[in-house]
Amino acid sequence: MKKVLTALLILSSAYCFAQTKQPMPAIYVDSALVSESYFKSISPDDILRIDVQRAAEFPNGVIYITTKNKQQTQALLKSPLLSLADIAKTNLPPSLRSKPIIFQLDGVMITDTANVRIPALAIKGIIIKAAADMPYFKTALPNVVLLMISTKPPTIMIRGDE
């Protein structure tokens, strides 16, 4: 009986302190329901208006986004979602496909590669570097390939700008 009570106490305290991820609210962009992958690829400069509301059918709320250029947004929403494996398969030469790959998205290293999807039109650039060409990776992980994906346009520096 003592073991049962101890196990029940441990399980109930673990359940109470467990963190649960709150689901995202429903997101509509120009009247189309979109996934989080498409939502992340919309530039803040393209947004005209944002409305946040409560709705009975969406317990976490609804976000309505109106963009300035509806044609550009519709083209993005029709663009297929690519997984990181798809991007690697189409961009890596066959000689590098068997090596371990480290993915970087907009300067941030990705740890959960299975759940990342990027709209094809949102990809602005891809850089492939061998770890042997980079100072830290040359000694730590010499057989790794670094695949850097950018969804933002390249920064143009003009002399005198910071």
Protein backbone atom coordinates (compact mmCIF):
# COMPACT_ATOMS: atom_id res chain seq x y z
CA MET A 1 0.00 0.00 0.00
CA LYS A 2 2.86 2.34 0.84
CA LYS A 3 4.42 1.76 -2.62
CA VAL A 4 1.11 2.49 -4.35
CA LEU A 5 0.67 5.77 -2.45
CA THR A 6 4.25 6.79 -3.19
CA ALA A 7 3.84 6.05 -6.90
CA LEU A 8 0.51 7.93 -6.97
CA LEU A 9 2.09 10.93 -5.25
CA ILE A 10 5.02 10.98 -7.70
CA LEU A 11 2.78 10.64 -10.76
CA SER A 12 0.35 13.32 -9.61
CA SER A 13 3.13 15.80 -8.83
CA ALA A 14 4.77 15.11 -12.19
CA TYR A 15 1.43 15.69 -13.92
CA CYS A 16 0.89 18.97 -12.05
CA PHE A 17 4.29 20.39 -12.93
CA ALA A 18 4.47 19.15 -16.51
CA GLN A 19 4.51 21.93 -19.05
CA THR A 20 2.12 21.66 -21.94
CA LYS A 21 2.59 23.57 -25.17
CA GLN A 22 -0.34 25.86 -25.86
CA PRO A 23 -1.67 25.47 -29.41
CA MET A 24 -1.39 28.45 -31.72
CA PRO A 25 -4.49 30.49 -32.46
CA ALA A 26 -6.08 30.10 -35.88
CA ILE A 27 -4.40 32.43 -38.37
CA TYR A 28 -6.15 33.85 -41.41
CA VAL A 29 -4.14 35.78 -44.00
CA ASP A 30 -6.28 37.62 -46.53
CA SER A 31 -9.25 35.39 -45.63
CA ALA A 32 -7.29 32.11 -46.04
CA LEU A 33 -6.59 29.86 -43.07
CA VAL A 34 -2.82 29.27 -42.99
CA SER A 35 -0.40 27.06 -41.08
CA GLU A 36 2.37 28.37 -38.85
CA SER A 37 4.93 27.77 -41.63
CA TYR A 38 3.21 30.22 -43.97
CA PHE A 39 2.59 32.69 -41.16
CA LYS A 40 6.31 32.88 -40.35
CA SER A 41 7.19 33.66 -43.97
CA ILE A 42 5.08 36.83 -44.20
CA SER A 43 7.17 39.97 -43.89
CA PRO A 44 6.01 42.48 -41.25
CA ASP A 45 6.45 45.23 -43.86
CA ASP A 46 3.75 43.58 -46.01
CA ILE A 47 1.10 43.67 -43.24
CA LEU A 48 -1.59 46.33 -43.50
CA ARG A 49 -3.75 45.39 -40.50
CA ILE A 50 -3.98 42.74 -37.75
CA ASP A 51 -7.19 41.91 -35.85
CA VAL A 52 -7.28 39.51 -32.90
CA GLN A 53 -10.62 38.05 -31.82
CA ARG A 54 -12.14 35.29 -29.71
CA ALA A 55 -14.30 32.70 -31.42
CA ALA A 56 -16.25 29.74 -30.08
CA GLU A 57 -14.86 27.35 -32.71
CA PHE A 58 -11.24 28.42 -31.93
CA PRO A 59 -10.64 28.35 -28.15
CA ASN A 60 -7.18 29.93 -28.50
CA GLY A 61 -8.48 32.85 -30.56
CA VAL A 62 -8.22 33.95 -34.17
CA ILE A 63 -5.72 36.29 -35.80
CA TYR A 64 -6.86 38.01 -38.99
CA ILE A 65 -4.04 39.52 -41.06
CA THR A 66 -4.66 41.79 -44.04
CA THR A 67 -1.67 42.35 -46.31
CA LYS A 68 -0.83 45.24 -48.61
CA ASN A 69 -0.15 43.09 -51.69
CA LYS A 70 -2.79 40.35 -51.93
CA GLN A 71 -1.40 38.87 -55.19
CA GLN A 72 2.05 38.35 -53.64
CA THR A 73 0.48 36.78 -50.54
CA GLN A 74 -1.72 34.46 -52.62
CA ALA A 75 1.32 33.31 -54.60
CA LEU A 76 3.14 32.56 -51.32
CA LEU A 77 0.14 30.64 -49.94
CA LYS A 78 -0.03 28.51 -53.11
CA SER A 79 3.68 27.75 -52.89
CA PRO A 80 4.41 24.17 -51.73
CA LEU A 81 5.93 23.55 -48.32
CA LEU A 82 9.40 22.01 -48.48
CA SER A 83 10.93 19.91 -45.73
CA LEU A 84 14.61 20.27 -44.90
CA ALA A 85 15.21 16.84 -46.46
CA ASP A 86 13.63 18.08 -49.71
CA ILE A 87 15.83 21.18 -49.69
CA ALA A 88 18.96 19.10 -49.01
CA LYS A 89 18.08 16.59 -51.74
CA THR A 90 17.61 19.26 -54.40
CA ASN A 91 20.55 21.50 -53.45
CA LEU A 92 23.34 19.22 -52.24
CA PRO A 93 25.59 17.55 -54.79
CA PRO A 94 25.44 13.72 -54.68
CA SER A 95 28.91 13.52 -53.11
CA LEU A 96 27.73 15.43 -49.99
CA ARG A 97 24.34 13.75 -49.45
CA SER A 98 25.77 10.90 -47.39
CA LYS A 99 27.46 13.25 -44.89
CA PRO A 100 25.74 14.53 -41.74
CA ILE A 101 24.05 17.90 -42.29
CA ILE A 102 23.66 20.82 -39.90
CA PHE A 103 20.78 23.08 -40.95
CA GLN A 104 20.73 26.79 -40.27
CA LEU A 105 17.64 28.92 -40.96
CA ASP A 106 18.14 32.69 -41.01
CA GLY A 107 21.26 32.41 -38.88
CA VAL A 108 19.72 30.07 -36.27
CA MET A 109 20.78 26.44 -36.00
CA ILE A 110 17.80 24.07 -36.28
CA THR A 111 17.65 21.23 -33.76
CA ASP A 112 14.22 19.73 -34.60
CA THR A 113 14.60 19.15 -38.33
CA ALA A 114 11.65 16.78 -38.69
CA ASN A 115 8.96 19.42 -38.10
CA VAL A 116 10.31 22.30 -40.19
CA ARG A 117 8.51 23.20 -43.40
CA ILE A 118 9.32 26.27 -45.50
CA PRO A 119 7.24 27.66 -48.38
CA ALA A 120 9.24 27.35 -51.60
CA LEU A 121 8.70 31.01 -52.53
CA ALA A 122 9.95 32.15 -49.12
CA ILE A 123 13.46 30.78 -49.70
CA LYS A 124 15.72 33.63 -50.81
CA GLY A 125 19.08 31.87 -50.74
CA ILE A 126 20.94 28.67 -49.86
CA ILE A 127 24.63 28.45 -49.01
CA ILE A 128 26.42 25.11 -48.65
CA LYS A 129 29.68 24.97 -46.74
CA ALA A 130 31.87 22.05 -45.80
CA ALA A 131 32.72 22.01 -42.11
CA ALA A 132 36.40 21.72 -43.03
CA ASP A 133 36.18 25.28 -44.40
CA MET A 134 34.96 26.79 -41.12
CA PRO A 135 37.23 27.47 -38.12
CA TYR A 136 35.26 25.77 -35.32
CA PHE A 137 33.82 22.90 -37.31
CA LYS A 138 37.18 22.09 -38.95
CA THR A 139 38.42 20.40 -35.78
CA ALA A 140 35.17 19.50 -34.00
CA LEU A 141 33.09 18.07 -36.86
CA PRO A 142 35.23 17.79 -39.99
CA ASN A 143 32.85 15.50 -41.94
CA VAL A 144 29.74 17.66 -41.55
CA VAL A 145 28.05 19.81 -44.19
CA LEU A 146 26.48 23.12 -43.15
CA LEU A 147 23.35 24.03 -45.15
CA MET A 148 22.40 27.67 -44.53
CA ILE A 149 18.90 28.67 -45.67
CA SER A 150 17.83 32.29 -45.84
CA THR A 151 14.22 33.44 -46.05
CA LYS A 152 15.15 37.11 -45.90
CA PRO A 153 16.66 39.15 -48.72
CA PRO A 154 20.42 39.74 -48.37
CA THR A 155 21.44 42.82 -46.41
CA ILE A 156 22.96 45.52 -48.58
CA MET A 157 25.52 47.61 -46.77
CA ILE A 158 26.18 51.12 -48.03
CA ARG A 159 29.29 52.85 -46.79
CA GLY A 160 28.43 54.78 -43.64
CA ASP A 161 25.45 52.57 -42.67
CA GLU A 162 25.52 50.54 -39.52
